């Protein structure tokens, strides 16, 4: 080992890590395929529970989820009946996230895996689709019809995945998840429905407040310029024009032409603010602001907004309702000229 060069050593360690991940998957798949026609015991019985149409255990149900928004929805519906493990924390970009060995272990141990869907978790999507053959794996956005989804021109045929930015659409996902969870665990169906009803009432109040907040912005200033195009559903639901420096995925690059177009927009409309996001670097937005400044248009950089990730746990923005309230308030204040530069 001492005679290995750095590159060789790195390759060997990387290979070992990959082999370990594959080994976990192979062991799990082999367990799920054995014991047919026989009485199951131990881990094989556990795999049978995962594959069953309904939960066969005594609980709590082990649920692995992806983003904070999904985790918040799942916890609100399941309460103490569920043991929730969240993979992506505050400030983590789901578009770019790569599954770790620990993530694979948590996913394979789960009784249920829940993710957002519509390619939001881009690099994890294939993993979830393959796992769906051996254990319950749900996308909370599956209930939405094609007519409810946005189809941006630059999305290569994929719907915009940021549906939670319209609180009324997220309530649809909430109600559908409660129904599916009730089917999976029928003994606690009434609990799930009651929890979803209570949480839905809270979210409806957030939605109505958002409508009022955006309506308070002077009509000429209702233009939301952000780091990437995560606010399409927000714009449609709350009546505000939305422009992103990058496309719906943060994997896309911010082109010079796009930046120049946004500079023209800021100068022509004399907009007071643009916005950064908590999980996206500021560089592209700062380029837009610098371009406007070169043309004598001073623009505030407001934020952060929370789009692909919620705030830190224990803060108001660390819940879905709290993050949306924060977004509504910040946008209304900045575009009305009432906030301070960040």
Protein backbone atom coordinates (compact mmCIF):
# COMPACT_ATOMS: atom_id res chain seq x y z
CA UNK A 1 0.00 0.00 0.00
CA UNK A 2 2.87 2.41 0.76
CA UNK A 3 4.21 2.11 -2.80
CA UNK A 4 0.89 3.06 -4.42
CA UNK A 5 0.64 6.50 -5.99
CA UNK A 6 -2.12 8.85 -4.83
CA UNK A 7 -4.23 8.25 -7.94
CA UNK A 8 -3.96 4.46 -7.56
CA UNK A 9 -4.82 4.67 -3.89
CA UNK A 10 -7.84 6.85 -4.62
CA UNK A 11 -9.05 4.45 -7.31
CA UNK A 12 -8.68 1.48 -4.96
CA UNK A 13 -10.62 3.19 -2.17
CA UNK A 14 -13.34 4.32 -4.57
CA UNK A 15 -13.65 0.81 -5.95
CA UNK A 16 -13.98 -0.63 -2.45
CA UNK A 17 -16.75 1.83 -1.62
CA UNK A 18 -18.66 0.96 -4.79
CA UNK A 19 -18.27 -2.77 -4.13
CA UNK A 20 -19.62 -2.29 -0.62
CA UNK A 21 -22.72 -0.49 -1.92
CA UNK A 22 -23.33 -3.16 -4.55
CA UNK A 23 -22.85 -5.89 -1.95
CA UNK A 24 -25.60 -4.40 0.22
CA UNK A 25 -27.97 -4.31 -2.74
CA UNK A 26 -27.12 -7.85 -3.83
CA UNK A 27 -27.65 -9.26 -0.36
CA UNK A 28 -31.00 -7.50 -0.07
CA UNK A 29 -32.22 -8.64 -3.47
CA UNK A 30 -31.18 -12.21 -2.76
CA UNK A 31 -33.09 -12.14 0.52
CA UNK A 32 -36.24 -10.88 -1.18
CA UNK A 33 -36.09 -13.73 -3.68
CA UNK A 34 -35.66 -16.63 -1.27
CA UNK A 35 -38.07 -18.62 0.86
CA UNK A 36 -40.87 -18.96 -1.66
CA UNK A 37 -43.39 -21.49 -0.43
CA UNK A 38 -41.68 -21.74 2.97
CA UNK A 39 -42.28 -20.19 6.34
CA UNK A 40 -40.14 -17.07 6.53
CA UNK A 41 -38.06 -15.93 9.46
CA UNK A 42 -35.58 -13.18 10.32
CA UNK A 43 -34.52 -10.81 7.56
CA UNK A 44 -36.37 -12.76 4.86
CA UNK A 45 -39.63 -12.13 6.68
CA UNK A 46 -38.73 -8.45 6.85
CA UNK A 47 -38.29 -8.33 3.09
CA UNK A 48 -41.67 -9.98 2.63
CA UNK A 49 -43.24 -7.19 4.71
CA UNK A 50 -41.68 -4.57 2.46
CA UNK A 51 -43.04 -6.19 -0.69
CA UNK A 52 -46.55 -6.72 0.70
CA UNK A 53 -49.43 -4.49 -0.40
CA UNK A 54 -50.08 -3.69 3.26
CA UNK A 55 -47.77 -3.27 6.22
CA UNK A 56 -47.45 -6.51 8.21
CA UNK A 57 -45.34 -5.35 11.15
CA UNK A 58 -46.19 -3.83 14.51
CA UNK A 59 -44.47 -0.49 13.94
CA UNK A 60 -43.28 2.11 13.98
CA UNK A 61 -43.12 2.02 10.19
CA UNK A 62 -39.60 2.86 8.97
CA UNK A 63 -39.83 5.48 6.22
CA UNK A 64 -36.88 6.90 4.29
CA UNK A 65 -37.55 10.20 2.51
CA UNK A 66 -35.52 12.60 0.37
CA UNK A 67 -36.14 16.33 0.81
CA UNK A 68 -37.27 18.35 3.80
CA UNK A 69 -40.57 19.23 2.12
CA UNK A 70 -41.38 15.54 1.65
CA UNK A 71 -40.24 14.73 5.19
CA UNK A 72 -42.49 17.46 6.59
CA UNK A 73 -45.50 16.10 4.72
CA UNK A 74 -44.79 12.49 5.74
CA UNK A 75 -44.29 13.36 9.42
CA UNK A 76 -47.44 15.47 9.49
CA UNK A 77 -49.56 12.58 8.19
CA UNK A 78 -47.89 9.69 10.01
CA UNK A 79 -47.12 11.25 13.38
CA UNK A 80 -45.56 8.85 15.89
CA UNK A 81 -46.70 5.87 13.83
CA UNK A 82 -43.81 6.55 11.45
CA UNK A 83 -40.05 6.60 12.05
CA UNK A 84 -38.78 9.00 9.38
CA UNK A 85 -35.20 9.14 8.09
CA UNK A 86 -34.48 12.18 5.88
CA UNK A 87 -31.61 11.90 3.37
CA UNK A 88 -31.22 15.53 2.22
CA UNK A 89 -30.76 18.19 4.88
CA UNK A 90 -30.97 21.97 4.89
CA UNK A 91 -29.21 23.68 2.00
CA UNK A 92 -28.71 20.45 0.00
CA UNK A 93 -29.53 20.68 -3.71
CA UNK A 94 -31.61 17.60 -4.71
CA UNK A 95 -30.83 18.09 -8.41
CA UNK A 96 -27.15 17.33 -7.79
CA UNK A 97 -27.28 14.98 -4.80
CA UNK A 98 -25.54 11.61 -5.13
CA UNK A 99 -26.58 8.59 -3.09
CA UNK A 100 -24.02 7.58 -0.45
CA UNK A 101 -23.36 4.10 0.93
CA UNK A 102 -25.18 5.06 4.14
CA UNK A 103 -28.14 6.31 2.09
CA UNK A 104 -28.37 2.96 0.29
CA UNK A 105 -28.35 1.15 3.61
CA UNK A 106 -31.14 3.38 4.97
CA UNK A 107 -33.21 2.96 1.82
CA UNK A 108 -32.90 -0.82 1.83
CA UNK A 109 -33.83 -1.07 5.52
CA UNK A 110 -36.98 1.03 5.07
CA UNK A 111 -40.50 -0.35 5.06
CA UNK A 112 -41.42 2.53 2.76
CA UNK A 113 -39.42 4.99 0.63
CA UNK A 114 -41.00 8.35 -0.26
CA UNK A 115 -39.56 10.94 -2.63
CA UNK A 116 -40.83 14.01 -4.48
CA UNK A 117 -40.57 12.75 -8.07
CA UNK A 118 -40.76 14.35 -11.53
CA UNK A 119 -36.96 14.04 -11.77
CA UNK A 120 -36.34 16.45 -8.88
CA UNK A 121 -33.93 13.96 -7.31
CA UNK A 122 -32.21 13.60 -10.69
CA UNK A 123 -29.27 11.35 -9.83
CA UNK A 124 -31.36 9.24 -7.43
CA UNK A 125 -34.30 8.64 -9.76
CA UNK A 126 -32.93 5.47 -11.37
CA UNK A 127 -32.20 4.02 -7.92
CA UNK A 128 -35.80 4.53 -6.82
CA UNK A 129 -37.25 3.07 -10.00
CA UNK A 130 -35.17 -0.09 -9.63
CA UNK A 131 -36.04 -0.47 -5.95
CA UNK A 132 -39.76 -0.18 -6.70
CA UNK A 133 -39.68 -3.76 -7.94
CA UNK A 134 -38.70 -5.07 -4.50
CA UNK A 135 -40.19 -2.66 -1.92
CA UNK A 136 -42.77 0.15 -1.66
CA UNK A 137 -41.33 3.29 -3.24
CA UNK A 138 -43.69 6.25 -3.74
CA UNK A 139 -43.36 9.64 -5.41
CA UNK A 140 -45.71 12.11 -3.72
CA UNK A 141 -46.33 13.95 -7.00
CA UNK A 142 -47.70 10.88 -8.80
CA UNK A 143 -51.28 12.02 -8.13
CA UNK A 144 -50.95 15.18 -10.23
CA UNK A 145 -52.39 15.17 -13.74
CA UNK A 146 -50.55 16.35 -16.82
CA UNK A 147 -52.72 19.47 -17.05
CA UNK A 148 -51.69 20.48 -13.51
CA UNK A 149 -47.99 20.25 -14.34
CA UNK A 150 -45.87 22.91 -16.03
CA UNK A 151 -43.85 21.98 -19.11
CA UNK A 152 -41.06 24.59 -19.50
CA UNK A 153 -39.60 25.01 -22.98
CA UNK A 154 -36.04 24.20 -21.80
CA UNK A 155 -36.91 21.11 -19.72
CA UNK A 156 -36.24 18.45 -22.37
CA UNK A 157 -39.79 17.12 -22.09
CA UNK A 158 -39.75 16.75 -18.30
CA UNK A 159 -42.40 18.52 -16.20
CA UNK A 160 -41.22 21.14 -13.75
CA UNK A 161 -40.76 19.21 -10.46
CA UNK A 162 -41.10 22.17 -8.04
CA UNK A 163 -44.81 21.63 -7.38
CA UNK A 164 -44.61 22.44 -3.64
CA UNK A 165 -44.09 26.09 -4.57
CA UNK A 166 -47.86 26.17 -5.17
CA UNK A 167 -49.21 25.35 -1.71
CA UNK A 168 -52.59 24.27 -3.12
CA UNK A 169 -50.87 21.61 -5.28
CA UNK A 170 -48.88 20.38 -2.29
CA UNK A 171 -52.16 19.94 -0.41
CA UNK A 172 -53.28 17.65 -3.24
CA UNK A 173 -50.11 15.60 -2.72
CA UNK A 174 -50.75 15.58 1.04
CA UNK A 175 -54.27 14.17 0.68
CA UNK A 176 -53.13 11.52 -1.79
CA UNK A 177 -50.27 10.44 0.46
CA UNK A 178 -52.67 10.08 3.41
CA UNK A 179 -54.91 7.87 1.27
CA UNK A 180 -52.04 5.66 0.14
CA UNK A 181 -50.61 5.40 3.64
CA UNK A 182 -54.06 4.37 4.87
CA UNK A 183 -54.13 1.62 2.25
CA UNK A 184 -50.65 0.50 3.31
CA UNK A 185 -51.51 0.52 7.03
CA UNK A 186 -55.33 0.14 7.20
CA UNK A 187 -55.45 -0.22 10.98
CA UNK A 188 -54.41 3.45 11.30
CA UNK A 189 -56.28 4.89 8.32
CA UNK A 190 -58.46 7.20 10.41
CA UNK A 191 -55.40 8.61 12.18
CA UNK A 192 -53.73 9.45 8.87
CA UNK A 193 -56.84 11.10 7.45
CA UNK A 194 -57.33 13.19 10.61
CA UNK A 195 -53.67 14.29 10.60
CA UNK A 196 -53.82 15.21 6.92
CA UNK A 197 -57.03 17.17 7.43
CA UNK A 198 -55.48 19.18 10.27
CA UNK A 199 -52.26 19.87 8.37
CA UNK A 200 -54.21 20.72 5.22
CA UNK A 201 -56.12 23.41 7.10
CA UNK A 202 -52.83 24.98 8.17
CA UNK A 203 -51.53 24.92 4.60
CA UNK A 204 -54.72 26.47 3.21
CA UNK A 205 -54.18 29.40 5.57
CA UNK A 206 -50.59 29.71 4.30
CA UNK A 207 -51.86 29.68 0.70
CA UNK A 208 -54.42 32.43 1.34
CA UNK A 209 -51.83 34.54 3.14
CA UNK A 210 -49.52 34.12 0.16
CA UNK A 211 -52.18 35.35 -2.24
CA UNK A 212 -52.67 38.46 -0.10
CA UNK A 213 -48.93 39.10 0.31
CA UNK A 214 -48.21 39.02 -3.43
CA UNK A 215 -51.27 41.18 -4.19
CA UNK A 216 -49.78 43.83 -1.89
CA UNK A 217 -46.83 44.34 -4.30
CA UNK A 218 -47.28 47.21 -6.78
CA UNK A 219 -48.42 45.64 -10.05
CA UNK A 220 -45.43 46.97 -12.03
CA UNK A 221 -43.01 45.29 -9.59
CA UNK A 222 -44.53 41.80 -9.64
CA UNK A 223 -41.51 40.20 -11.28
CA UNK A 224 -39.52 37.57 -9.40
CA UNK A 225 -35.92 37.13 -10.62
CA UNK A 226 -34.21 34.19 -8.90
CA UNK A 227 -31.10 32.02 -9.09
CA UNK A 228 -32.82 29.20 -10.98
CA UNK A 229 -36.28 28.59 -12.34
CA UNK A 230 -37.83 26.92 -9.28
CA UNK A 231 -40.76 29.31 -8.89
CA UNK A 232 -42.87 28.52 -11.96
CA UNK A 233 -45.76 27.04 -9.96
CA UNK A 234 -45.40 29.89 -7.48
CA UNK A 235 -45.82 32.43 -10.27
CA UNK A 236 -48.86 30.68 -11.73
CA UNK A 237 -50.58 30.30 -8.34
CA UNK A 238 -49.90 33.75 -6.92
CA UNK A 239 -49.92 36.00 -9.97
CA UNK A 240 -46.30 37.03 -10.36
CA UNK A 241 -43.99 36.86 -13.37
CA UNK A 242 -41.00 34.58 -12.71
CA UNK A 243 -37.58 34.64 -14.38
CA UNK A 244 -34.69 32.38 -13.42
CA UNK A 245 -31.01 32.80 -14.31
CA UNK A 246 -30.68 29.02 -14.67
CA UNK A 247 -33.28 26.52 -15.88
CA UNK A 248 -35.44 24.24 -13.70
CA UNK A 249 -32.39 22.15 -12.80
CA UNK A 250 -29.28 23.65 -11.21
CA UNK A 251 -27.24 21.39 -13.50
CA UNK A 252 -27.88 23.86 -16.30
CA UNK A 253 -25.45 26.70 -16.93
CA UNK A 254 -26.35 30.39 -16.81
CA UNK A 255 -25.60 31.70 -20.31
CA UNK A 256 -24.38 35.19 -21.12
CA UNK A 257 -27.44 35.81 -23.31
CA UNK A 258 -29.79 34.92 -20.44
CA UNK A 259 -27.91 37.21 -18.05
CA UNK A 260 -28.04 40.09 -20.53
CA UNK A 261 -31.79 39.58 -21.02
CA UNK A 262 -32.34 39.77 -17.26
CA UNK A 263 -30.21 42.92 -17.03
CA UNK A 264 -32.41 44.48 -19.72
CA UNK A 265 -35.49 43.46 -17.75
CA UNK A 266 -34.22 45.01 -14.51
CA UNK A 267 -33.27 48.25 -16.21
CA UNK A 268 -36.39 48.60 -18.37
CA UNK A 269 -38.80 47.78 -15.53
CA UNK A 270 -36.72 49.52 -12.85
CA UNK A 271 -37.15 46.53 -10.55
CA UNK A 272 -35.90 47.03 -6.98
CA UNK A 273 -34.73 43.49 -6.13
CA UNK A 274 -33.58 40.07 -7.26
CA UNK A 275 -33.39 36.98 -5.07
CA UNK A 276 -30.85 34.32 -4.09
CA UNK A 277 -31.81 30.83 -2.92
CA UNK A 278 -30.54 28.89 0.06
CA UNK A 279 -29.30 25.89 -1.94
CA UNK A 280 -27.95 27.67 -5.04
CA UNK A 281 -24.69 29.67 -5.29
CA UNK A 282 -25.01 33.48 -5.58
CA UNK A 283 -22.58 33.88 -8.50
CA UNK A 284 -25.12 33.99 -11.34
CA UNK A 285 -27.41 36.46 -9.56
CA UNK A 286 -24.47 38.70 -8.68
CA UNK A 287 -23.54 38.81 -12.38
CA UNK A 288 -27.03 40.10 -13.17
CA UNK A 289 -26.84 42.74 -10.44
CA UNK A 290 -23.40 43.88 -11.64
CA UNK A 291 -24.72 44.21 -15.19
CA UNK A 292 -27.61 46.36 -13.98
CA UNK A 293 -25.26 48.51 -11.88
CA UNK A 294 -23.11 49.15 -14.96
CA UNK A 295 -26.23 50.69 -16.49
CA UNK A 296 -26.96 52.85 -13.43
CA UNK A 297 -29.75 50.60 -12.09
CA UNK A 298 -29.24 49.76 -8.41
CA UNK A 299 -30.81 46.41 -7.51
CA UNK A 300 -31.05 44.81 -4.07
CA UNK A 301 -29.98 41.19 -3.61
CA UNK A 302 -32.67 39.83 -1.28
CA UNK A 303 -32.83 36.46 0.38
CA UNK A 304 -32.32 33.75 0.79
CA UNK A 305 -35.52 32.26 -0.54
CA UNK A 306 -36.12 28.61 0.20
CA UNK A 307 -36.94 26.57 -2.91
CA UNK A 308 -35.25 23.16 -3.24
CA UNK A 309 -34.44 22.90 0.47
CA UNK A 310 -35.97 24.15 3.72
CA UNK A 311 -34.17 26.05 6.46
CA UNK A 312 -32.25 24.68 9.42
CA UNK A 313 -34.07 22.30 11.74
CA UNK A 314 -35.52 24.15 14.72
CA UNK A 315 -36.03 27.43 12.84
CA UNK A 316 -39.38 28.68 11.47
CA UNK A 317 -38.04 28.11 7.94
CA UNK A 318 -37.20 24.52 8.90
CA UNK A 319 -40.82 23.54 8.22
CA UNK A 320 -42.64 23.64 4.89
CA UNK A 321 -45.29 26.07 6.16
CA UNK A 322 -42.61 28.26 7.72
CA UNK A 323 -40.44 28.35 4.62
CA UNK A 324 -43.38 29.35 2.42
CA UNK A 325 -44.44 32.08 4.85
CA UNK A 326 -40.85 33.35 4.80
CA UNK A 327 -40.82 33.36 0.98
CA UNK A 328 -44.11 35.25 0.70
CA UNK A 329 -43.06 37.87 3.23
CA UNK A 330 -39.56 38.38 1.80
CA UNK A 331 -40.77 38.71 -1.79
CA UNK A 332 -43.54 41.14 -0.85
CA UNK A 333 -41.20 43.33 1.21
CA UNK A 334 -38.32 43.37 -1.29
CA UNK A 335 -40.43 44.08 -4.37
CA UNK A 336 -42.31 46.78 -2.45
CA UNK A 337 -38.99 48.39 -1.52
CA UNK A 338 -39.39 47.72 2.21
CA UNK A 339 -36.54 45.29 2.93
CA UNK A 340 -32.82 45.73 3.59
CA UNK A 341 -30.07 44.41 1.32
CA UNK A 342 -28.66 41.01 2.24
